[in-house]
Amino acid sequence: MHLNCWEFKKCGRETGGAKVDELGVCPATTEQRADGIHSGKNGGRACWAIAGTLCKGEVQGTYALKMLNCLKCDFYQRVVSDERWGFMSGEAILKKIRG
């Protein structure tokens, strides 16, 4: 089974999560246009392409600003490994969710 980022990272920013009152709901959990990418729920397996996700306790900005951090992320590397040849780049994900 493939985990979504909030399940893997246990960040508590999913709807009803433990950290929602403090940090808000993460946009990866609600980005419906990314639903199904890499078999994830909403943006749960495409979080690196979605602005406003959390990294090292800080809300991240746009894809261009956060991608260097994402490349080092254990979850990102896990999805790359899980998906191998079917992995969608951040640019491809952005194209899909922007329509």
PDB file of N, CA and C in Angstrom:
ATOM      1  N   MET A   1       0.829  -1.173   0.000  1.00  0.00           N
ATOM      2  CA  MET A   1       0.000   0.000   0.000  1.00  0.00           C
ATOM      3  C   MET A   1       0.887   1.256   0.000  1.00  0.00           C
ATOM      4  N   HIS A   2       0.525   2.222  -0.804  1.00  0.00           N
ATOM      5  CA  HIS A   2       1.266   3.479  -0.882  1.00  0.00           C
ATOM      6  C   HIS A   2       0.692   4.475   0.118  1.00  0.00           C
ATOM      7  N   LEU A   3       1.553   5.047   0.923  1.00  0.00           N
ATOM      8  CA  LEU A   3       1.129   6.040   1.905  1.00  0.00           C
ATOM      9  C   LEU A   3       1.097   7.432   1.280  1.00  0.00           C
ATOM     10  N   ASN A   4       0.187   8.258   1.758  1.00  0.00           N
ATOM     11  CA  ASN A   4       0.177   9.667   1.416  1.00  0.00           C
ATOM     12  C   ASN A   4       1.183  10.376   2.321  1.00  0.00           C
ATOM     13  N   CYS A   5       1.588  11.582   1.923  1.00  0.00           N
ATOM     14  CA  CYS A   5       2.624  12.301   2.670  1.00  0.00           C
ATOM     15  C   CYS A   5       2.256  12.497   4.140  1.00  0.00           C
ATOM     16  N   TRP A   6       1.014  12.846   4.423  1.00  0.00           N
ATOM     17  CA  TRP A   6       0.622  13.095   5.820  1.00  0.00           C
ATOM     18  C   TRP A   6       0.632  11.826   6.648  1.00  0.00           C
ATOM     19  N   GLU A   7       0.431  10.677   6.007  1.00  0.00           N
ATOM     20  CA  GLU A   7       0.510   9.397   6.718  1.00  0.00           C
ATOM     21  C   GLU A   7       1.979   9.031   6.966  1.00  0.00           C
ATOM     22  N   PHE A   8       2.803   9.247   5.971  1.00  0.00           N
ATOM     23  CA  PHE A   8       4.230   8.926   6.061  1.00  0.00           C
ATOM     24  C   PHE A   8       4.937   9.837   7.068  1.00  0.00           C
ATOM     25  N   LYS A   9       4.660  11.140   6.979  1.00  0.00           N
ATOM     26  CA  LYS A   9       5.337  12.125   7.825  1.00  0.00           C
ATOM     27  C   LYS A   9       4.666  12.331   9.180  1.00  0.00           C
ATOM     28  N   LYS A  10       3.412  11.879   9.304  1.00  0.00           N
ATOM     29  CA  LYS A  10       2.651  12.049  10.549  1.00  0.00           C
ATOM     30  C   LYS A  10       2.666  13.520  11.000  1.00  0.00           C
ATOM     31  N   CYS A  11       2.383  14.411  10.043  1.00  0.00           N
ATOM     32  CA  CYS A  11       2.447  15.854  10.301  1.00  0.00           C
ATOM     33  C   CYS A  11       1.220  16.381  11.032  1.00  0.00           C
ATOM     34  N   GLY A  12       0.094  15.686  10.956  1.00  0.00           N
ATOM     35  CA  GLY A  12      -1.109  16.124  11.642  1.00  0.00           C
ATOM     36  C   GLY A  12      -1.854  17.261  10.960  1.00  0.00           C
ATOM     37  N   ARG A  13      -1.527  17.532   9.685  1.00  0.00           N
ATOM     38  CA  ARG A  13      -2.187  18.633   8.976  1.00  0.00           C
ATOM     39  C   ARG A  13      -3.309  18.160   8.055  1.00  0.00           C
ATOM     40  N   GLU A  14      -3.675  16.885   8.109  1.00  0.00           N
ATOM     41  CA  GLU A  14      -4.828  16.415   7.347  1.00  0.00           C
ATOM     42  C   GLU A  14      -6.101  16.851   8.059  1.00  0.00           C
ATOM     43  N   THR A  15      -7.213  16.902   7.347  1.00  0.00           N
ATOM     44  CA  THR A  15      -8.483  17.292   7.957  1.00  0.00           C
ATOM     45  C   THR A  15      -8.718  16.455   9.212  1.00  0.00           C
ATOM     46  N   GLY A  16      -8.952  17.123  10.333  1.00  0.00           N
ATOM     47  CA  GLY A  16      -9.148  16.433  11.607  1.00  0.00           C
ATOM     48  C   GLY A  16      -7.856  16.065  12.304  1.00  0.00           C
ATOM     49  N   GLY A  17      -6.712  16.421  11.720  1.00  0.00           N
ATOM     50  CA  GLY A  17      -5.414  16.064  12.286  1.00  0.00           C
ATOM     51  C   GLY A  17      -5.063  16.853  13.536  1.00  0.00           C
ATOM     52  N   ALA A  18      -4.099  16.347  14.273  1.00  0.00           N
ATOM     53  CA  ALA A  18      -3.708  16.902  15.568  1.00  0.00           C
ATOM     54  C   ALA A  18      -3.113  18.306  15.488  1.00  0.00           C
ATOM     55  N   LYS A  19      -2.561  18.692  14.355  1.00  0.00           N
ATOM     56  CA  LYS A  19      -1.898  20.000  14.251  1.00  0.00           C
ATOM     57  C   LYS A  19      -2.682  21.025  13.433  1.00  0.00           C
ATOM     58  N   VAL A  20      -3.897  20.696  13.036  1.00  0.00           N
ATOM     59  CA  VAL A  20      -4.681  21.591  12.188  1.00  0.00           C
ATOM     60  C   VAL A  20      -4.951  22.930  12.883  1.00  0.00           C
ATOM     61  N   ASP A  21      -5.294  22.922  14.164  1.00  0.00           N
ATOM     62  CA  ASP A  21      -5.577  24.172  14.877  1.00  0.00           C
ATOM     63  C   ASP A  21      -4.342  25.073  14.900  1.00  0.00           C
ATOM     64  N   GLU A  22      -3.183  24.462  15.026  1.00  0.00           N
ATOM     65  CA  GLU A  22      -1.926  25.222  15.121  1.00  0.00           C
ATOM     66  C   GLU A  22      -1.388  25.651  13.757  1.00  0.00           C
ATOM     67  N   LEU A  23      -1.424  24.736  12.768  1.00  0.00           N
ATOM     68  CA  LEU A  23      -0.752  24.973  11.487  1.00  0.00           C
ATOM     69  C   LEU A  23      -1.676  25.045  10.284  1.00  0.00           C
ATOM     70  N   GLY A  24      -2.942  24.698  10.455  1.00  0.00           N
ATOM     71  CA  GLY A  24      -3.883  24.697   9.346  1.00  0.00           C
ATOM     72  C   GLY A  24      -3.873  23.388   8.570  1.00  0.00           C
ATOM     73  N   VAL A  25      -4.873  23.236   7.720  1.00  0.00           N
ATOM     74  CA  VAL A  25      -4.979  22.049   6.877  1.00  0.00           C
ATOM     75  C   VAL A  25      -3.986  22.200   5.726  1.00  0.00           C
ATOM     76  N   CYS A  26      -3.223  21.176   5.474  1.00  0.00           N
ATOM     77  CA  CYS A  26      -2.225  21.201   4.401  1.00  0.00           C
ATOM     78  C   CYS A  26      -2.919  21.144   3.037  1.00  0.00           C
ATOM     79  N   PRO A  27      -2.495  21.993   2.100  1.00  0.00           N
ATOM     80  CA  PRO A  27      -3.112  21.986   0.780  1.00  0.00           C
ATOM     81  C   PRO A  27      -2.931  20.662   0.025  1.00  0.00           C
ATOM     82  N   ALA A  28      -1.910  19.885   0.353  1.00  0.00           N
ATOM     83  CA  ALA A  28      -1.740  18.583  -0.313  1.00  0.00           C
ATOM     84  C   ALA A  28      -2.907  17.655   0.015  1.00  0.00           C
ATOM     85  N   THR A  29      -3.493  17.810   1.203  1.00  0.00           N
ATOM     86  CA  THR A  29      -4.592  16.936   1.606  1.00  0.00           C
ATOM     87  C   THR A  29      -5.901  17.269   0.907  1.00  0.00           C
ATOM     88  N   THR A  30      -5.988  18.464   0.331  1.00  0.00           N
ATOM     89  CA  THR A  30      -7.244  18.908  -0.281  1.00  0.00           C
ATOM     90  C   THR A  30      -7.145  19.169  -1.781  1.00  0.00           C
ATOM     91  N   GLU A  31      -5.958  19.018  -2.364  1.00  0.00           N
ATOM     92  CA  GLU A  31      -5.770  19.321  -3.788  1.00  0.00           C
ATOM     93  C   GLU A  31      -6.342  18.205  -4.653  1.00  0.00           C
ATOM     94  N   GLN A  32      -7.643  18.314  -4.942  1.00  0.00           N
ATOM     95  CA  GLN A  32      -8.365  17.266  -5.665  1.00  0.00           C
ATOM     96  C   GLN A  32      -7.885  17.077  -7.100  1.00  0.00           C
ATOM     97  N   ARG A  33      -7.329  18.111  -7.706  1.00  0.00           N
ATOM     98  CA  ARG A  33      -6.854  17.978  -9.092  1.00  0.00           C
ATOM     99  C   ARG A  33      -5.657  17.045  -9.186  1.00  0.00           C
ATOM    100  N   ALA A  34      -5.008  16.769  -8.059  1.00  0.00           N
ATOM    101  CA  ALA A  34      -3.872  15.842  -8.038  1.00  0.00           C
ATOM    102  C   ALA A  34      -4.287  14.445  -7.584  1.00  0.00           C
ATOM    103  N   ASP A  35      -5.579  14.241  -7.361  1.00  0.00           N
ATOM    104  CA  ASP A  35      -6.064  12.944  -6.886  1.00  0.00           C
ATOM    105  C   ASP A  35      -5.680  11.833  -7.869  1.00  0.00           C
ATOM    106  N   GLY A  36      -5.097  10.782  -7.330  1.00  0.00           N
ATOM    107  CA  GLY A  36      -4.718   9.630  -8.141  1.00  0.00           C
ATOM    108  C   GLY A  36      -3.293   9.668  -8.655  1.00  0.00           C
ATOM    109  N   ILE A  37      -2.643  10.821  -8.613  1.00  0.00           N
ATOM    110  CA  ILE A  37      -1.242  10.869  -9.045  1.00  0.00           C
ATOM    111  C   ILE A  37      -0.428   9.992  -8.112  1.00  0.00           C
ATOM    112  N   HIS A  38       0.320   9.084  -8.697  1.00  0.00           N
ATOM    113  CA  HIS A  38       1.127   8.109  -7.956  1.00  0.00           C
ATOM    114  C   HIS A  38       0.286   7.309  -6.959  1.00  0.00           C
ATOM    115  N   SER A  39      -0.994   7.107  -7.287  1.00  0.00           N
ATOM    116  CA  SER A  39      -1.943   6.353  -6.458  1.00  0.00           C
ATOM    117  C   SER A  39      -2.227   7.027  -5.118  1.00  0.00           C
ATOM    118  N   GLY A  40      -2.077   8.336  -5.058  1.00  0.00           N
ATOM    119  CA  GLY A  40      -2.326   9.064  -3.813  1.00  0.00           C
ATOM    120  C   GLY A  40      -3.716   9.655  -3.744  1.00  0.00           C
ATOM    121  N   LYS A  41      -4.105  10.012  -2.534  1.00  0.00           N
ATOM    122  CA  LYS A  41      -5.376  10.713  -2.311  1.00  0.00           C
ATOM    123  C   LYS A  41      -5.093  12.209  -2.398  1.00  0.00           C
ATOM    124  N   ASN A  42      -5.867  12.902  -3.248  1.00  0.00           N
ATOM    125  CA  ASN A  42      -5.648  14.322  -3.498  1.00  0.00           C
ATOM    126  C   ASN A  42      -4.169  14.539  -3.834  1.00  0.00           C
ATOM    127  N   GLY A  43      -3.476  15.430  -3.163  1.00  0.00           N
ATOM    128  CA  GLY A  43      -2.062  15.668  -3.466  1.00  0.00           C
ATOM    129  C   GLY A  43      -1.110  14.900  -2.580  1.00  0.00           C
ATOM    130  N   GLY A  44      -1.575  13.825  -1.979  1.00  0.00           N
ATOM    131  CA  GLY A  44      -0.799  13.078  -0.997  1.00  0.00           C
ATOM    132  C   GLY A  44       0.448  12.398  -1.494  1.00  0.00           C
ATOM    133  N   ARG A  45       0.571  12.209  -2.808  1.00  0.00           N
ATOM    134  CA  ARG A  45       1.797  11.634  -3.355  1.00  0.00           C
ATOM    135  C   ARG A  45       2.338  12.527  -4.473  1.00  0.00           C
ATOM    136  N   ALA A  46       2.042  13.828  -4.339  1.00  0.00           N
ATOM    137  CA  ALA A  46       2.542  14.836  -5.271  1.00  0.00           C
ATOM    138  C   ALA A  46       2.800  16.139  -4.516  1.00  0.00           C
ATOM    139  N   CYS A  47       3.065  16.054  -3.234  1.00  0.00           N
ATOM    140  CA  CYS A  47       3.147  17.222  -2.355  1.00  0.00           C
ATOM    141  C   CYS A  47       4.229  18.212  -2.762  1.00  0.00           C
ATOM    142  N   TRP A  48       5.296  17.736  -3.387  1.00  0.00           N
ATOM    143  CA  TRP A  48       6.395  18.623  -3.804  1.00  0.00           C
ATOM    144  C   TRP A  48       5.958  19.634  -4.854  1.00  0.00           C
ATOM    145  N   ALA A  49       4.871  19.384  -5.544  1.00  0.00           N
ATOM    146  CA  ALA A  49       4.390  20.298  -6.582  1.00  0.00           C
ATOM    147  C   ALA A  49       3.300  21.236  -6.064  1.00  0.00           C
ATOM    148  N   ILE A  50       2.973  21.135  -4.775  1.00  0.00           N
ATOM    149  CA  ILE A  50       1.860  21.908  -4.212  1.00  0.00           C
ATOM    150  C   ILE A  50       2.396  22.911  -3.190  1.00  0.00           C
ATOM    151  N   ALA A  51       2.130  24.184  -3.429  1.00  0.00           N
ATOM    152  CA  ALA A  51       2.573  25.244  -2.520  1.00  0.00           C
ATOM    153  C   ALA A  51       1.849  25.143  -1.190  1.00  0.00           C
ATOM    154  N   GLY A  52       2.542  25.520  -0.122  1.00  0.00           N
ATOM    155  CA  GLY A  52       1.931  25.583   1.197  1.00  0.00           C
ATOM    156  C   GLY A  52       2.069  24.334   2.030  1.00  0.00           C
ATOM    157  N   THR A  53       2.813  23.343   1.556  1.00  0.00           N
ATOM    158  CA  THR A  53       3.038  22.147   2.361  1.00  0.00           C
ATOM    159  C   THR A  53       4.074  22.455   3.431  1.00  0.00           C
ATOM    160  N   LEU A  54       4.195  21.577   4.394  1.00  0.00           N
ATOM    161  CA  LEU A  54       5.081  21.799   5.535  1.00  0.00           C
ATOM    162  C   LEU A  54       6.377  21.012   5.365  1.00  0.00           C
ATOM    163  N   CYS A  55       7.500  21.652   5.665  1.00  0.00           N
ATOM    164  CA  CYS A  55       8.793  20.972   5.630  1.00  0.00           C
ATOM    165  C   CYS A  55       9.631  21.494   6.780  1.00  0.00           C
ATOM    166  N   LYS A  56      10.128  20.596   7.594  1.00  0.00           N
ATOM    167  CA  LYS A  56      10.953  20.963   8.742  1.00  0.00           C
ATOM    168  C   LYS A  56      10.266  22.010   9.621  1.00  0.00           C
ATOM    169  N   GLY A  57       8.968  21.863   9.767  1.00  0.00           N
ATOM    170  CA  GLY A  57       8.209  22.744  10.635  1.00  0.00           C
ATOM    171  C   GLY A  57       7.841  24.097  10.047  1.00  0.00           C
ATOM    172  N   GLU A  58       8.164  24.315   8.766  1.00  0.00           N
ATOM    173  CA  GLU A  58       7.866  25.594   8.128  1.00  0.00           C
ATOM    174  C   GLU A  58       7.036  25.386   6.870  1.00  0.00           C
ATOM    175  N   VAL A  59       6.063  26.284   6.679  1.00  0.00           N
ATOM    176  CA  VAL A  59       5.253  26.234   5.472  1.00  0.00           C
ATOM    177  C   VAL A  59       6.133  26.634   4.296  1.00  0.00           C
ATOM    178  N   GLN A  60       6.056  25.851   3.229  1.00  0.00           N
ATOM    179  CA  GLN A  60       6.876  26.076   2.041  1.00  0.00           C
ATOM    180  C   GLN A  60       6.099  26.859   0.993  1.00  0.00           C
ATOM    181  N   GLY A  61       6.814  27.553   0.137  1.00  0.00           N
ATOM    182  CA  GLY A  61       6.205  28.366  -0.906  1.00  0.00           C
ATOM    183  C   GLY A  61       5.963  27.593  -2.183  1.00  0.00           C
ATOM    184  N   THR A  62       6.237  28.233  -3.295  1.00  0.00           N
ATOM    185  CA  THR A  62       5.963  27.661  -4.610  1.00  0.00           C
ATOM    186  C   THR A  62       6.891  26.497  -4.923  1.00  0.00           C
ATOM    187  N   TYR A  63       6.537  25.764  -5.948  1.00  0.00           N
ATOM    188  CA  TYR A  63       7.336  24.635  -6.404  1.00  0.00           C
ATOM    189  C   TYR A  63       8.785  25.053  -6.644  1.00  0.00           C
ATOM    190  N   ALA A  64       8.988  26.159  -7.341  1.00  0.00           N
ATOM    191  CA  ALA A  64      10.343  26.612  -7.676  1.00  0.00           C
ATOM    192  C   ALA A  64      11.163  26.891  -6.418  1.00  0.00           C
ATOM    193  N   LEU A  65      10.531  27.428  -5.395  1.00  0.00           N
ATOM    194  CA  LEU A  65      11.247  27.770  -4.171  1.00  0.00           C
ATOM    195  C   LEU A  65      11.517  26.571  -3.260  1.00  0.00           C
ATOM    196  N   LYS A  66      10.665  25.587  -3.318  1.00  0.00           N
ATOM    197  CA  LYS A  66      10.789  24.490  -2.356  1.00  0.00           C
ATOM    198  C   LYS A  66      11.420  23.218  -2.915  1.00  0.00           C
ATOM    199  N   MET A  67      11.572  23.118  -4.222  1.00  0.00           N
ATOM    200  CA  MET A  67      11.982  21.850  -4.827  1.00  0.00           C
ATOM    201  C   MET A  67      13.333  21.348  -4.333  1.00  0.00           C
ATOM    202  N   LEU A  68      14.283  22.224  -4.075  1.00  0.00           N
ATOM    203  CA  LEU A  68      15.583  21.761  -3.579  1.00  0.00           C
ATOM    204  C   LEU A  68      15.441  21.030  -2.246  1.00  0.00           C
ATOM    205  N   ASN A  69      14.559  21.526  -1.367  1.00  0.00           N
ATOM    206  CA  ASN A  69      14.290  20.818  -0.114  1.00  0.00           C
ATOM    207  C   ASN A  69      13.611  19.487  -0.386  1.00  0.00           C
ATOM    208  N   CYS A  70      12.672  19.491  -1.323  1.00  0.00           N
ATOM    209  CA  CYS A  70      11.915  18.271  -1.616  1.00  0.00           C
ATOM    210  C   CYS A  70      12.816  17.151  -2.148  1.00  0.00           C
ATOM    211  N   LEU A  71      13.805  17.508  -2.945  1.00  0.00           N
ATOM    212  CA  LEU A  71      14.711  16.494  -3.497  1.00  0.00           C
ATOM    213  C   LEU A  71      15.428  15.713  -2.404  1.00  0.00           C
ATOM    214  N   LYS A  72      15.619  16.314  -1.244  1.00  0.00           N
ATOM    215  CA  LYS A  72      16.291  15.662  -0.114  1.00  0.00           C
ATOM    216  C   LYS A  72      15.323  14.931   0.808  1.00  0.00           C
ATOM    217  N   CYS A  73      14.031  15.117   0.586  1.00  0.00           N
ATOM    218  CA  CYS A  73      13.004  14.584   1.481  1.00  0.00           C
ATOM    219  C   CYS A  73      12.887  13.059   1.365  1.00  0.00           C
ATOM    220  N   ASP A  74      12.809  12.383   2.510  1.00  0.00           N
ATOM    221  CA  ASP A  74      12.684  10.929   2.506  1.00  0.00           C
ATOM    222  C   ASP A  74      11.378  10.466   1.867  1.00  0.00           C
ATOM    223  N   PHE A  75      10.316  11.234   1.992  1.00  0.00           N
ATOM    224  CA  PHE A  75       9.052  10.847   1.360  1.00  0.00           C
ATOM    225  C   PHE A  75       9.141  10.983  -0.158  1.00  0.00           C
ATOM    226  N   TYR A  76       9.677  12.082  -0.641  1.00  0.00           N
ATOM    227  CA  TYR A  76       9.859  12.284  -2.083  1.00  0.00           C
ATOM    228  C   TYR A  76      10.684  11.130  -2.669  1.00  0.00           C
ATOM    229  N   GLN A  77      11.788  10.807  -2.019  1.00  0.00           N
ATOM    230  CA  GLN A  77      12.645   9.720  -2.498  1.00  0.00           C
ATOM    231  C   GLN A  77      11.917   8.380  -2.484  1.00  0.00           C
ATOM    232  N   ARG A  78      11.049   8.187  -1.514  1.00  0.00           N
ATOM    233  CA  ARG A  78      10.250   6.962  -1.430  1.00  0.00           C
ATOM    234  C   ARG A  78       9.301   6.858  -2.622  1.00  0.00           C
ATOM    235  N   VAL A  79       8.624   7.971  -2.967  1.00  0.00           N
ATOM    236  CA  VAL A  79       7.699   7.959  -4.104  1.00  0.00           C
ATOM    237  C   VAL A  79       8.462   7.716  -5.398  1.00  0.00           C
ATOM    238  N   VAL A  80       9.605   8.356  -5.569  1.00  0.00           N
ATOM    239  CA  VAL A  80      10.434   8.127  -6.761  1.00  0.00           C
ATOM    240  C   VAL A  80      10.765   6.642  -6.865  1.00  0.00           C
ATOM    241  N   SER A  81      11.157   6.042  -5.764  1.00  0.00           N
ATOM    242  CA  SER A  81      11.496   4.618  -5.749  1.00  0.00           C
ATOM    243  C   SER A  81      10.278   3.733  -6.018  1.00  0.00           C
ATOM    244  N   ASP A  82       9.155   4.056  -5.383  1.00  0.00           N
ATOM    245  CA  ASP A  82       7.928   3.278  -5.569  1.00  0.00           C
ATOM    246  C   ASP A  82       7.458   3.314  -7.020  1.00  0.00           C
ATOM    247  N   GLU A  83       7.510   4.480  -7.624  1.00  0.00           N
ATOM    248  CA  GLU A  83       6.924   4.683  -8.953  1.00  0.00           C
ATOM    249  C   GLU A  83       7.862   4.346 -10.098  1.00  0.00           C
ATOM    250  N   ARG A  84       9.133   4.472  -9.879  1.00  0.00           N
ATOM    251  CA  ARG A  84      10.166   4.218 -10.898  1.00  0.00           C
ATOM    252  C   ARG A  84       9.815   4.845 -12.231  1.00  0.00           C
ATOM    253  N   TRP A  85       9.476   4.048 -13.223  1.00  0.00           N
ATOM    254  CA  TRP A  85       9.230   4.541 -14.582  1.00  0.00           C
ATOM    255  C   TRP A  85       7.943   5.346 -14.694  1.00  0.00           C
ATOM    256  N   GLY A  86       7.028   5.194 -13.753  1.00  0.00           N
ATOM    257  CA  GLY A  86       5.779   5.931 -13.806  1.00  0.00           C
ATOM    258  C   GLY A  86       5.807   7.247 -13.039  1.00  0.00           C
ATOM    259  N   PHE A  87       6.978   7.613 -12.514  1.00  0.00           N
ATOM    260  CA  PHE A  87       7.095   8.825 -11.714  1.00  0.00           C
ATOM    261  C   PHE A  87       6.825  10.064 -12.562  1.00  0.00           C
ATOM    262  N   MET A  88       5.954  10.951 -12.053  1.00  0.00           N
ATOM    263  CA  MET A  88       5.652  12.220 -12.736  1.00  0.00           C
ATOM    264  C   MET A  88       6.496  13.335 -12.128  1.00  0.00           C
ATOM    265  N   SER A  89       7.158  14.081 -12.962  1.00  0.00           N
ATOM    266  CA  SER A  89       7.960  15.210 -12.486  1.00  0.00           C
ATOM    267  C   SER A  89       7.047  16.289 -11.915  1.00  0.00           C
ATOM    268  N   GLY A  90       7.636  17.167 -11.146  1.00  0.00           N
ATOM    269  CA  GLY A  90       6.883  18.289 -10.607  1.00  0.00           C
ATOM    270  C   GLY A  90       6.267  19.133 -11.702  1.00  0.00           C
ATOM    271  N   GLU A  91       6.998  19.329 -12.787  1.00  0.00           N
ATOM    272  CA  GLU A  91       6.488  20.120 -13.902  1.00  0.00           C
ATOM    273  C   GLU A  91       5.246  19.466 -14.512  1.00  0.00           C
ATOM    274  N   ALA A  92       5.280  18.150 -14.662  1.00  0.00           N
ATOM    275  CA  ALA A  92       4.134  17.428 -15.223  1.00  0.00           C
ATOM    276  C   ALA A  92       2.930  17.496 -14.282  1.00  0.00           C
ATOM    277  N   ILE A  93       3.185  17.418 -12.997  1.00  0.00           N
ATOM    278  CA  ILE A  93       2.100  17.515 -12.015  1.00  0.00           C
ATOM    279  C   ILE A  93       1.482  18.904 -12.056  1.00  0.00           C
ATOM    280  N   LEU A  94       2.322  19.922 -12.074  1.00  0.00           N
ATOM    281  CA  LEU A  94       1.819  21.303 -12.146  1.00  0.00           C
ATOM    282  C   LEU A  94       0.962  21.513 -13.401  1.00  0.00           C
ATOM    283  N   LYS A  95       1.419  20.982 -14.506  1.00  0.00           N
ATOM    284  CA  LYS A  95       0.663  21.110 -15.764  1.00  0.00           C
ATOM    285  C   LYS A  95      -0.717  20.480 -15.611  1.00  0.00           C
ATOM    286  N   LYS A  96      -0.765  19.314 -14.956  1.00  0.00           N
ATOM    287  CA  LYS A  96      -2.034  18.615 -14.776  1.00  0.00           C
ATOM    288  C   LYS A  96      -2.976  19.387 -13.838  1.00  0.00           C
ATOM    289  N   ILE A  97      -2.458  19.899 -12.724  1.00  0.00           N
ATOM    290  CA  ILE A  97      -3.340  20.535 -11.755  1.00  0.00           C
ATOM    291  C   ILE A  97      -3.712  21.962 -12.146  1.00  0.00           C
ATOM    292  N   ARG A  98      -2.930  22.556 -13.002  1.00  0.00           N
ATOM    293  CA  ARG A  98      -3.269  23.916 -13.474  1.00  0.00           C
ATOM    294  C   ARG A  98      -4.223  23.874 -14.663  1.00  0.00           C
ATOM    295  N   GLY A  99      -4.324  22.692 -15.285  1.00  0.00           N
ATOM    296  CA  GLY A  99      -5.250  22.523 -16.398  1.00  0.00           C
ATOM    297  C   GLY A  99      -4.712  23.088 -17.623  1.00  0.00           C
TER     298      GLY A  99
END
